[in-house]
C-alpha cells in the first residue's frame, strides 16, 4: 500500500506553493501516537521549506518512522 507520506518531499512544496495554509491529519481510527508522529515530521519539513530550503529531502529515518507508525495498528 502506498502512503502519501512516502511522497512528502515531493508534494509538500506543491501544497505550500498552491496557497494551502492548513493540513488535516486524518487519524480518527489511529492511536494518538500516529497523529503526533505525523504532525512532528510534517512540521519539521514545513519549517525547513519556510526557512528557505525549497525542496527539503525527507530522510530515510523520517520516512521509516512514518511507515512504522502508519502500520502499528
C-alpha atoms as a PDB file:
ATOM      1  CA  UNK A   1       0.000   0.000   0.000  1.00  0.00           C
ATOM      2  CA  UNK A   2       1.316   3.416  -0.928  1.00  0.00           C
ATOM      3  CA  UNK A   3       1.092   6.222   1.560  1.00  0.00           C
ATOM      4  CA  UNK A   4       1.058   9.949   0.846  1.00  0.00           C
ATOM      5  CA  UNK A   5       3.831  10.137   3.438  1.00  0.00           C
ATOM      6  CA  UNK A   6       6.188   8.367   1.013  1.00  0.00           C
ATOM      7  CA  UNK A   7       5.996  11.356  -1.338  1.00  0.00           C
ATOM      8  CA  UNK A   8       6.126  14.044   1.352  1.00  0.00           C
ATOM      9  CA  UNK A   9       9.236  15.732  -0.026  1.00  0.00           C
ATOM     10  CA  UNK A  10       7.609  15.935  -3.464  1.00  0.00           C
ATOM     11  CA  UNK A  11       4.117  17.072  -2.514  1.00  0.00           C
ATOM     12  CA  UNK A  12       4.777  19.385   0.420  1.00  0.00           C
ATOM     13  CA  UNK A  13       6.347  22.201  -1.652  1.00  0.00           C
ATOM     14  CA  UNK A  14       3.499  21.905  -4.160  1.00  0.00           C
ATOM     15  CA  UNK A  15       0.921  22.148  -1.381  1.00  0.00           C
ATOM     16  CA  UNK A  16       2.563  25.255   0.086  1.00  0.00           C
ATOM     17  CA  UNK A  17       3.050  26.908  -3.306  1.00  0.00           C
ATOM     18  CA  UNK A  18      -0.642  26.293  -4.077  1.00  0.00           C
ATOM     19  CA  UNK A  19      -1.507  28.538  -1.136  1.00  0.00           C
ATOM     20  CA  UNK A  20      -2.656  25.908   1.341  1.00  0.00           C
ATOM     21  CA  UNK A  21      -2.469  27.263   4.896  1.00  0.00           C
ATOM     22  CA  UNK A  22      -3.522  24.245   6.920  1.00  0.00           C
ATOM     23  CA  UNK A  23      -3.464  20.472   6.682  1.00  0.00           C
ATOM     24  CA  UNK A  24      -5.806  17.957   8.258  1.00  0.00           C
ATOM     25  CA  UNK A  25      -4.138  14.839   9.539  1.00  0.00           C
ATOM     26  CA  UNK A  26      -6.677  12.033   9.298  1.00  0.00           C
ATOM     27  CA  UNK A  27      -6.191   9.931  12.394  1.00  0.00           C
ATOM     28  CA  UNK A  28      -9.605   9.152  13.849  1.00  0.00           C
ATOM     29  CA  UNK A  29      -9.027   5.433  13.633  1.00  0.00           C
ATOM     30  CA  UNK A  30      -5.390   5.651  14.687  1.00  0.00           C
ATOM     31  CA  UNK A  31      -3.690   5.922  18.053  1.00  0.00           C
ATOM     32  CA  UNK A  32      -2.645   9.377  19.332  1.00  0.00           C
ATOM     33  CA  UNK A  33       0.985   8.447  18.656  1.00  0.00           C
ATOM     34  CA  UNK A  34       0.186   8.308  14.933  1.00  0.00           C
ATOM     35  CA  UNK A  35      -1.149  11.849  14.813  1.00  0.00           C
ATOM     36  CA  UNK A  36       1.684  13.164  16.983  1.00  0.00           C
ATOM     37  CA  UNK A  37       4.330  11.467  14.833  1.00  0.00           C
ATOM     38  CA  UNK A  38       2.864  12.653  11.540  1.00  0.00           C
ATOM     39  CA  UNK A  39       2.469  16.212  12.798  1.00  0.00           C
ATOM     40  CA  UNK A  40       6.063  16.314  14.069  1.00  0.00           C
ATOM     41  CA  UNK A  41       7.525  15.132  10.749  1.00  0.00           C
ATOM     42  CA  UNK A  42       5.319  17.402   8.627  1.00  0.00           C
ATOM     43  CA  UNK A  43       6.150  20.368  10.906  1.00  0.00           C
ATOM     44  CA  UNK A  44       9.873  19.635  10.541  1.00  0.00           C
ATOM     45  CA  UNK A  45       9.723  19.780   6.747  1.00  0.00           C
ATOM     46  CA  UNK A  46       7.311  22.724   6.665  1.00  0.00           C
ATOM     47  CA  UNK A  47       9.792  24.640   8.814  1.00  0.00           C
ATOM     48  CA  UNK A  48      12.670  23.672   6.502  1.00  0.00           C
ATOM     49  CA  UNK A  49      10.703  24.894   3.497  1.00  0.00           C
ATOM     50  CA  UNK A  50       9.705  28.148   5.174  1.00  0.00           C
ATOM     51  CA  UNK A  51      13.307  28.814   6.237  1.00  0.00           C
ATOM     52  CA  UNK A  52      14.419  28.779   2.607  1.00  0.00           C
ATOM     53  CA  UNK A  53      15.054  25.120   1.781  1.00  0.00           C
ATOM     54  CA  UNK A  54      12.663  24.966  -1.192  1.00  0.00           C
ATOM     55  CA  UNK A  55      12.980  21.223  -1.843  1.00  0.00           C
ATOM     56  CA  UNK A  56      13.673  19.625   1.543  1.00  0.00           C
ATOM     57  CA  UNK A  57      14.528  15.946   1.253  1.00  0.00           C
ATOM     58  CA  UNK A  58      12.810  13.721   3.804  1.00  0.00           C
ATOM     59  CA  UNK A  59      15.371  11.469   5.441  1.00  0.00           C
ATOM     60  CA  UNK A  60      15.101   7.690   5.262  1.00  0.00           C
ATOM     61  CA  UNK A  61      14.743   7.678   9.043  1.00  0.00           C
ATOM     62  CA  UNK A  62      11.736  10.013   8.950  1.00  0.00           C
ATOM     63  CA  UNK A  63      10.120   8.019   6.124  1.00  0.00           C
ATOM     64  CA  UNK A  64      10.677   4.829   8.099  1.00  0.00           C
ATOM     65  CA  UNK A  65       9.189   6.390  11.227  1.00  0.00           C
ATOM     66  CA  UNK A  66       6.080   7.430   9.274  1.00  0.00           C
ATOM     67  CA  UNK A  67       5.802   3.949   7.805  1.00  0.00           C
ATOM     68  CA  UNK A  68       6.215   2.334  11.228  1.00  0.00           C
ATOM     69  CA  UNK A  69       3.568   4.439  12.942  1.00  0.00           C
ATOM     70  CA  UNK A  70       1.217   4.008   9.971  1.00  0.00           C
ATOM     71  CA  UNK A  71       1.416   0.230  10.290  1.00  0.00           C
ATOM     72  CA  UNK A  72       1.298  -0.161  14.099  1.00  0.00           C
ATOM     73  CA  UNK A  73      -2.412  -0.794  14.339  1.00  0.00           C
END
